[in-house]
PDB file of N, CA and C in Angstrom:
ATOM      1  N   MET A   1     -34.337  87.235  59.182  1.00  0.00           N
ATOM      2  CA  MET A   1     -33.483  86.070  58.594  1.00  0.00           C
ATOM      3  C   MET A   1     -33.345  85.959  57.075  1.00  0.00           C
ATOM      4  N   PRO A   2     -32.688  85.803  56.599  1.00  0.00           N
ATOM      5  CA  PRO A   2     -32.554  85.534  54.738  1.00  0.00           C
ATOM      6  C   PRO A   2     -33.118  84.578  54.452  1.00  0.00           C
ATOM      7  N   TRP A   3     -33.942  84.469  53.442  1.00  0.00           N
ATOM      8  CA  TRP A   3     -34.293  83.306  52.684  1.00  0.00           C
ATOM      9  C   TRP A   3     -33.474  82.945  51.746  1.00  0.00           C
ATOM     10  N   ILE A   4     -33.315  81.639  51.305  1.00  0.00           N
ATOM     11  CA  ILE A   4     -32.262  81.160  49.955  1.00  0.00           C
ATOM     12  C   ILE A   4     -33.060  79.704  49.773  1.00  0.00           C
ATOM     13  N   ARG A   5     -33.292  80.535  48.336  1.00  0.00           N
ATOM     14  CA  ARG A   5     -34.505  79.301  47.689  1.00  0.00           C
ATOM     15  C   ARG A   5     -33.481  77.885  47.506  1.00  0.00           C
ATOM     16  N   GLN A   6     -34.703  76.844  48.351  1.00  0.00           N
ATOM     17  CA  GLN A   6     -34.268  75.728  47.998  1.00  0.00           C
ATOM     18  C   GLN A   6     -34.969  74.892  47.069  1.00  0.00           C
ATOM     19  N   ILE A   7     -34.728  74.020  46.607  1.00  0.00           N
ATOM     20  CA  ILE A   7     -35.398  72.901  45.757  1.00  0.00           C
ATOM     21  C   ILE A   7     -35.935  71.816  46.567  1.00  0.00           C
ATOM     22  N   PRO A   8     -37.049  71.760  46.413  1.00  0.00           N
ATOM     23  CA  PRO A   8     -38.097  71.200  47.601  1.00  0.00           C
ATOM     24  C   PRO A   8     -37.627  69.111  47.077  1.00  0.00           C
ATOM     25  N   ILE A   9     -37.270  68.659  48.126  1.00  0.00           N
ATOM     26  CA  ILE A   9     -36.595  67.335  47.998  1.00  0.00           C
ATOM     27  C   ILE A   9     -37.278  66.480  46.986  1.00  0.00           C
ATOM     28  N   ASP A  10     -38.977  66.584  47.150  1.00  0.00           N
ATOM     29  CA  ASP A  10     -39.532  65.238  45.787  1.00  0.00           C
ATOM     30  C   ASP A  10     -39.616  66.482  44.562  1.00  0.00           C
ATOM     31  N   GLU A  11     -38.768  67.079  44.211  1.00  0.00           N
ATOM     32  CA  GLU A  11     -38.505  67.803  43.002  1.00  0.00           C
ATOM     33  C   GLU A  11     -37.238  67.429  42.721  1.00  0.00           C
ATOM     34  N   ALA A  12     -36.077  66.893  43.183  1.00  0.00           N
ATOM     35  CA  ALA A  12     -34.797  66.854  43.220  1.00  0.00           C
ATOM     36  C   ALA A  12     -34.911  65.826  41.807  1.00  0.00           C
ATOM     37  N   THR A  13     -33.850  65.968  40.964  1.00  0.00           N
ATOM     38  CA  THR A  13     -33.463  65.007  39.902  1.00  0.00           C
ATOM     39  C   THR A  13     -31.790  65.086  39.964  1.00  0.00           C
ATOM     40  N   GLY A  14     -31.429  63.858  38.715  1.00  0.00           N
ATOM     41  CA  GLY A  14     -30.339  64.218  39.156  1.00  0.00           C
ATOM     42  C   GLY A  14     -29.460  64.349  39.994  1.00  0.00           C
ATOM     43  N   LEU A  15     -28.088  64.535  40.238  1.00  0.00           N
ATOM     44  CA  LEU A  15     -27.171  64.728  40.807  1.00  0.00           C
ATOM     45  C   LEU A  15     -27.853  65.273  42.249  1.00  0.00           C
ATOM     46  N   LEU A  16     -28.269  66.026  42.193  1.00  0.00           N
ATOM     47  CA  LEU A  16     -28.832  66.295  43.373  1.00  0.00           C
ATOM     48  C   LEU A  16     -30.006  65.272  44.228  1.00  0.00           C
ATOM     49  N   LYS A  17     -31.151  64.853  43.396  1.00  0.00           N
ATOM     50  CA  LYS A  17     -31.504  63.521  44.130  1.00  0.00           C
ATOM     51  C   LYS A  17     -30.675  62.560  44.648  1.00  0.00           C
ATOM     52  N   ARG A  18     -29.599  62.282  43.689  1.00  0.00           N
ATOM     53  CA  ARG A  18     -28.679  61.218  44.495  1.00  0.00           C
ATOM     54  C   ARG A  18     -28.036  61.417  45.465  1.00  0.00           C
ATOM     55  N   GLU A  19     -27.659  62.594  45.623  1.00  0.00           N
ATOM     56  CA  GLU A  19     -26.981  63.279  46.769  1.00  0.00           C
ATOM     57  C   GLU A  19     -27.985  63.519  47.778  1.00  0.00           C
ATOM     58  N   LEU A  20     -29.130  64.138  47.453  1.00  0.00           N
ATOM     59  CA  LEU A  20     -30.318  63.882  48.926  1.00  0.00           C
ATOM     60  C   LEU A  20     -30.749  62.221  49.214  1.00  0.00           C
ATOM     61  N   ASP A  21     -30.730  61.565  48.239  1.00  0.00           N
ATOM     62  CA  ASP A  21     -31.019  60.426  48.587  1.00  0.00           C
ATOM     63  C   ASP A  21     -30.038  59.586  49.632  1.00  0.00           C
ATOM     64  N   LYS A  22     -29.022  59.857  49.535  1.00  0.00           N
ATOM     65  CA  LYS A  22     -27.538  59.529  50.005  1.00  0.00           C
ATOM     66  C   LYS A  22     -27.701  60.135  51.698  1.00  0.00           C
ATOM     67  N   ALA A  23     -28.017  61.130  51.779  1.00  0.00           N
ATOM     68  CA  ALA A  23     -28.408  61.922  52.828  1.00  0.00           C
ATOM     69  C   ALA A  23     -29.679  61.202  53.778  1.00  0.00           C
ATOM     70  N   ILE A  24     -30.503  60.742  53.146  1.00  0.00           N
ATOM     71  CA  ILE A  24     -31.402  60.466  53.994  1.00  0.00           C
ATOM     72  C   ILE A  24     -31.041  59.243  54.437  1.00  0.00           C
ATOM     73  N   ARG A  25     -30.434  58.206  53.242  1.00  0.00           N
ATOM     74  CA  ARG A  25     -29.833  56.993  53.956  1.00  0.00           C
ATOM     75  C   ARG A  25     -29.018  57.018  55.318  1.00  0.00           C
ATOM     76  N   ARG A  26     -28.139  58.106  55.319  1.00  0.00           N
ATOM     77  CA  ARG A  26     -27.218  58.605  56.443  1.00  0.00           C
ATOM     78  C   ARG A  26     -27.913  58.901  57.549  1.00  0.00           C
ATOM     79  N   ALA A  27     -28.785  59.756  57.301  1.00  0.00           N
ATOM     80  CA  ALA A  27     -29.625  60.544  58.423  1.00  0.00           C
ATOM     81  C   ALA A  27     -30.766  60.334  58.859  1.00  0.00           C
ATOM     82  N   GLY A  28     -31.353  59.621  58.125  1.00  0.00           N
ATOM     83  CA  GLY A  28     -32.903  59.424  58.023  1.00  0.00           C
ATOM     84  C   GLY A  28     -33.963  60.850  57.375  1.00  0.00           C
ATOM     85  N   ARG A  29     -32.707  61.897  57.347  1.00  0.00           N
ATOM     86  CA  ARG A  29     -33.433  63.329  56.936  1.00  0.00           C
ATOM     87  C   ARG A  29     -32.613  64.236  56.042  1.00  0.00           C
ATOM     88  N   VAL A  30     -33.124  65.270  55.611  1.00  0.00           N
ATOM     89  CA  VAL A  30     -32.054  65.929  54.964  1.00  0.00           C
ATOM     90  C   VAL A  30     -31.725  67.194  55.391  1.00  0.00           C
ATOM     91  N   TRP A  31     -30.595  67.420  56.531  1.00  0.00           N
ATOM     92  CA  TRP A  31     -30.524  68.442  57.063  1.00  0.00           C
ATOM     93  C   TRP A  31     -30.500  69.876  56.536  1.00  0.00           C
ATOM     94  N   ASN A  32     -30.762  70.915  57.356  1.00  0.00           N
ATOM     95  CA  ASN A  32     -31.102  72.585  56.441  1.00  0.00           C
ATOM     96  C   ASN A  32     -29.423  72.550  56.066  1.00  0.00           C
ATOM     97  N   ILE A  33     -28.413  71.951  56.495  1.00  0.00           N
ATOM     98  CA  ILE A  33     -27.141  72.608  55.886  1.00  0.00           C
ATOM     99  C   ILE A  33     -26.735  72.179  54.509  1.00  0.00           C
ATOM    100  N   LEU A  34     -27.570  70.902  54.618  1.00  0.00           N
ATOM    101  CA  LEU A  34     -27.394  70.179  52.855  1.00  0.00           C
ATOM    102  C   LEU A  34     -28.278  70.555  52.271  1.00  0.00           C
ATOM    103  N   HIS A  35     -29.583  71.235  52.774  1.00  0.00           N
ATOM    104  CA  HIS A  35     -30.681  71.317  51.825  1.00  0.00           C
ATOM    105  C   HIS A  35     -30.320  72.550  51.175  1.00  0.00           C
ATOM    106  N   ILE A  36     -29.605  73.525  51.990  1.00  0.00           N
ATOM    107  CA  ILE A  36     -29.368  74.870  51.313  1.00  0.00           C
ATOM    108  C   ILE A  36     -28.491  75.041  50.153  1.00  0.00           C
ATOM    109  N   MET A  37     -27.932  73.664  50.009  1.00  0.00           N
ATOM    110  CA  MET A  37     -26.831  73.908  48.703  1.00  0.00           C
ATOM    111  C   MET A  37     -27.714  73.166  47.769  1.00  0.00           C
ATOM    112  N   SER A  38     -29.039  72.600  47.723  1.00  0.00           N
ATOM    113  CA  SER A  38     -29.832  72.395  46.627  1.00  0.00           C
ATOM    114  C   SER A  38     -29.601  72.978  45.072  1.00  0.00           C
ATOM    115  N   LEU A  39     -29.574  74.005  45.183  1.00  0.00           N
ATOM    116  CA  LEU A  39     -29.157  75.054  43.888  1.00  0.00           C
ATOM    117  C   LEU A  39     -27.744  74.702  43.107  1.00  0.00           C
ATOM    118  N   ASN A  40     -27.201  73.876  43.589  1.00  0.00           N
ATOM    119  CA  ASN A  40     -25.780  73.793  43.072  1.00  0.00           C
ATOM    120  C   ASN A  40     -25.441  72.403  44.006  1.00  0.00           C
ATOM    121  N   PRO A  41     -25.380  71.015  43.153  1.00  0.00           N
ATOM    122  CA  PRO A  41     -25.259  70.159  43.661  1.00  0.00           C
ATOM    123  C   PRO A  41     -24.181  69.609  43.726  1.00  0.00           C
ATOM    124  N   ARG A  42     -23.040  70.359  42.664  1.00  0.00           N
ATOM    125  CA  ARG A  42     -22.126  69.900  42.690  1.00  0.00           C
ATOM    126  C   ARG A  42     -21.325  70.275  43.880  1.00  0.00           C
ATOM    127  N   ALA A  43     -21.723  71.488  44.508  1.00  0.00           N
ATOM    128  CA  ALA A  43     -21.116  71.834  45.544  1.00  0.00           C
ATOM    129  C   ALA A  43     -21.210  71.089  47.192  1.00  0.00           C
ATOM    130  N   LEU A  44     -22.720  70.822  47.116  1.00  0.00           N
ATOM    131  CA  LEU A  44     -23.200  69.712  48.120  1.00  0.00           C
ATOM    132  C   LEU A  44     -22.495  68.524  47.936  1.00  0.00           C
ATOM    133  N   LYS A  45     -22.142  68.029  46.543  1.00  0.00           N
ATOM    134  CA  LYS A  45     -21.418  66.690  46.742  1.00  0.00           C
ATOM    135  C   LYS A  45     -20.055  66.945  47.267  1.00  0.00           C
ATOM    136  N   SER A  46     -19.300  67.986  46.925  1.00  0.00           N
ATOM    137  CA  SER A  46     -18.447  67.938  47.076  1.00  0.00           C
ATOM    138  C   SER A  46     -18.162  68.397  48.830  1.00  0.00           C
ATOM    139  N   SER A  47     -19.147  69.303  49.336  1.00  0.00           N
ATOM    140  CA  SER A  47     -18.824  69.209  50.784  1.00  0.00           C
ATOM    141  C   SER A  47     -19.105  68.020  51.085  1.00  0.00           C
ATOM    142  N   MET A  48     -19.552  67.171  50.532  1.00  0.00           N
ATOM    143  CA  MET A  48     -20.287  65.520  51.451  1.00  0.00           C
ATOM    144  C   MET A  48     -19.063  64.809  51.597  1.00  0.00           C
ATOM    145  N   GLU A  49     -18.335  65.142  50.377  1.00  0.00           N
ATOM    146  CA  GLU A  49     -16.877  64.684  49.940  1.00  0.00           C
ATOM    147  C   GLU A  49     -15.922  64.888  51.070  1.00  0.00           C
ATOM    148  N   PHE A  50     -15.539  66.390  51.197  1.00  0.00           N
ATOM    149  CA  PHE A  50     -14.905  66.864  52.039  1.00  0.00           C
ATOM    150  C   PHE A  50     -15.053  66.558  53.670  1.00  0.00           C
ATOM    151  N   TYR A  51     -16.212  66.747  53.933  1.00  0.00           N
ATOM    152  CA  TYR A  51     -16.727  66.103  55.234  1.00  0.00           C
ATOM    153  C   TYR A  51     -15.963  64.616  55.601  1.00  0.00           C
ATOM    154  N   GLY A  52     -16.489  63.723  54.443  1.00  0.00           N
ATOM    155  CA  GLY A  52     -15.678  62.291  54.796  1.00  0.00           C
ATOM    156  C   GLY A  52     -14.451  62.185  54.727  1.00  0.00           C
ATOM    157  N   ALA A  53     -13.824  62.948  54.077  1.00  0.00           N
ATOM    158  CA  ALA A  53     -12.442  62.599  54.161  1.00  0.00           C
ATOM    159  C   ALA A  53     -11.523  62.968  55.372  1.00  0.00           C
ATOM    160  N   VAL A  54     -12.385  64.477  55.966  1.00  0.00           N
ATOM    161  CA  VAL A  54     -12.076  65.229  56.980  1.00  0.00           C
ATOM    162  C   VAL A  54     -12.755  64.178  58.581  1.00  0.00           C
ATOM    163  N   MET A  55     -13.743  64.087  58.343  1.00  0.00           N
ATOM    164  CA  MET A  55     -13.922  62.730  59.818  1.00  0.00           C
ATOM    165  C   MET A  55     -13.565  61.719  59.303  1.00  0.00           C
ATOM    166  N   PHE A  56     -13.586  61.016  58.181  1.00  0.00           N
ATOM    167  CA  PHE A  56     -13.329  59.215  58.230  1.00  0.00           C
ATOM    168  C   PHE A  56     -12.237  58.878  57.741  1.00  0.00           C
ATOM    169  N   GLY A  57     -11.512  60.153  57.001  1.00  0.00           N
ATOM    170  CA  GLY A  57     -10.082  59.537  56.222  1.00  0.00           C
ATOM    171  C   GLY A  57      -9.082  59.325  57.076  1.00  0.00           C
ATOM    172  N   SER A  58      -7.674  59.048  56.722  1.00  0.00           N
ATOM    173  CA  SER A  58      -6.584  59.051  57.396  1.00  0.00           C
ATOM    174  C   SER A  58      -6.180  59.978  57.836  1.00  0.00           C
ATOM    175  N   SER A  59      -5.805  60.014  59.431  1.00  0.00           N
ATOM    176  CA  SER A  59      -5.352  61.165  60.394  1.00  0.00           C
ATOM    177  C   SER A  59      -4.758  60.660  61.695  1.00  0.00           C
ATOM    178  N   PRO A  60      -3.731  61.625  61.966  1.00  0.00           N
ATOM    179  CA  PRO A  60      -3.522  61.078  63.334  1.00  0.00           C
ATOM    180  C   PRO A  60      -4.446  61.466  64.313  1.00  0.00           C
ATOM    181  N   LEU A  61      -5.871  61.980  64.472  1.00  0.00           N
ATOM    182  CA  LEU A  61      -6.507  61.680  65.307  1.00  0.00           C
ATOM    183  C   LEU A  61      -7.521  60.837  64.834  1.00  0.00           C
ATOM    184  N   THR A  62      -7.857  60.664  66.350  1.00  0.00           N
ATOM    185  CA  THR A  62      -9.229  59.570  66.182  1.00  0.00           C
ATOM    186  C   THR A  62     -10.354  60.034  65.688  1.00  0.00           C
ATOM    187  N   ARG A  63     -11.314  59.047  65.654  1.00  0.00           N
ATOM    188  CA  ARG A  63     -12.765  59.657  65.358  1.00  0.00           C
ATOM    189  C   ARG A  63     -13.465  60.283  66.313  1.00  0.00           C
ATOM    190  N   ALA A  64     -13.203  60.182  67.559  1.00  0.00           N
ATOM    191  CA  ALA A  64     -13.797  60.880  68.986  1.00  0.00           C
ATOM    192  C   ALA A  64     -12.919  62.013  68.839  1.00  0.00           C
ATOM    193  N   GLN A  65     -12.029  62.184  68.462  1.00  0.00           N
ATOM    194  CA  GLN A  65     -11.092  63.613  69.043  1.00  0.00           C
ATOM    195  C   GLN A  65     -11.919  64.516  67.442  1.00  0.00           C
ATOM    196  N   ARG A  66     -11.535  63.968  66.349  1.00  0.00           N
ATOM    197  CA  ARG A  66     -12.291  64.878  65.644  1.00  0.00           C
ATOM    198  C   ARG A  66     -14.072  65.265  65.769  1.00  0.00           C
ATOM    199  N   GLU A  67     -14.659  64.367  66.289  1.00  0.00           N
ATOM    200  CA  GLU A  67     -15.992  64.656  66.565  1.00  0.00           C
ATOM    201  C   GLU A  67     -15.843  65.676  67.797  1.00  0.00           C
ATOM    202  N   LEU A  68     -15.116  65.393  68.908  1.00  0.00           N
ATOM    203  CA  LEU A  68     -15.168  66.293  69.455  1.00  0.00           C
ATOM    204  C   LEU A  68     -14.530  68.077  69.137  1.00  0.00           C
ATOM    205  N   LEU A  69     -13.425  67.674  68.295  1.00  0.00           N
ATOM    206  CA  LEU A  69     -13.343  69.652  67.698  1.00  0.00           C
ATOM    207  C   LEU A  69     -14.377  69.960  66.842  1.00  0.00           C
ATOM    208  N   ALA A  70     -14.850  68.955  66.037  1.00  0.00           N
ATOM    209  CA  ALA A  70     -16.404  69.793  65.878  1.00  0.00           C
ATOM    210  C   ALA A  70     -17.087  70.196  66.453  1.00  0.00           C
ATOM    211  N   THR A  71     -17.403  69.377  67.591  1.00  0.00           N
ATOM    212  CA  THR A  71     -18.592  69.905  68.668  1.00  0.00           C
ATOM    213  C   THR A  71     -17.959  71.416  69.067  1.00  0.00           C
ATOM    214  N   VAL A  72     -16.526  71.482  69.554  1.00  0.00           N
ATOM    215  CA  VAL A  72     -16.155  72.675  70.406  1.00  0.00           C
ATOM    216  C   VAL A  72     -16.160  73.493  69.535  1.00  0.00           C
ATOM    217  N   VAL A  73     -15.904  73.508  67.993  1.00  0.00           N
ATOM    218  CA  VAL A  73     -15.750  74.637  66.973  1.00  0.00           C
ATOM    219  C   VAL A  73     -17.437  75.021  66.927  1.00  0.00           C
ATOM    220  N   SER A  74     -18.441  74.099  66.714  1.00  0.00           N
ATOM    221  CA  SER A  74     -19.798  74.613  66.576  1.00  0.00           C
ATOM    222  C   SER A  74     -20.126  75.059  67.815  1.00  0.00           C
ATOM    223  N   ALA A  75     -19.718  74.764  69.357  1.00  0.00           N
ATOM    224  CA  ALA A  75     -20.078  75.565  70.264  1.00  0.00           C
ATOM    225  C   ALA A  75     -19.640  77.168  70.560  1.00  0.00           C
ATOM    226  N   GLU A  76     -18.480  77.093  70.173  1.00  0.00           N
ATOM    227  CA  GLU A  76     -17.768  78.524  70.295  1.00  0.00           C
ATOM    228  C   GLU A  76     -18.192  79.194  69.119  1.00  0.00           C
ATOM    229  N   LEU A  77     -18.716  78.873  68.177  1.00  0.00           N
ATOM    230  CA  LEU A  77     -19.444  79.516  67.040  1.00  0.00           C
ATOM    231  C   LEU A  77     -21.214  80.113  67.172  1.00  0.00           C
ATOM    232  N   ASP A  78     -21.827  79.143  68.086  1.00  0.00           N
ATOM    233  CA  ASP A  78     -22.790  79.184  68.142  1.00  0.00           C
ATOM    234  C   ASP A  78     -23.602  78.811  67.229  1.00  0.00           C
ATOM    235  N   CYS A  79     -23.158  77.640  66.381  1.00  0.00           N
ATOM    236  CA  CYS A  79     -23.968  77.057  65.194  1.00  0.00           C
ATOM    237  C   CYS A  79     -24.284  76.166  65.925  1.00  0.00           C
ATOM    238  N   HIS A  80     -25.720  75.766  65.567  1.00  0.00           N
ATOM    239  CA  HIS A  80     -26.379  74.755  65.881  1.00  0.00           C
ATOM    240  C   HIS A  80     -26.415  73.409  65.126  1.00  0.00           C
ATOM    241  N   TYR A  81     -25.241  73.385  64.025  1.00  0.00           N
ATOM    242  CA  TYR A  81     -25.143  72.215  63.715  1.00  0.00           C
ATOM    243  C   TYR A  81     -23.545  71.273  63.769  1.00  0.00           C
TER     244      TYR A  81
END
């Protein structure tokens, strides 16, 4: 399995700290899919903004339909996230 360096949560500063703190408030922890982006806090922030727009923004799909699509795609790709 490849290893990608990550900044430890307790060493985060600036934008990274703010984004990780938001993740902890949202989910009670920092999931690996977010922590892996710790070397590029702008990418992490953009990724979460994109997720928010897709899952919570204006759409002809209901929230439940969006979650169902995300679940099906994850299962099809054998993705644990």
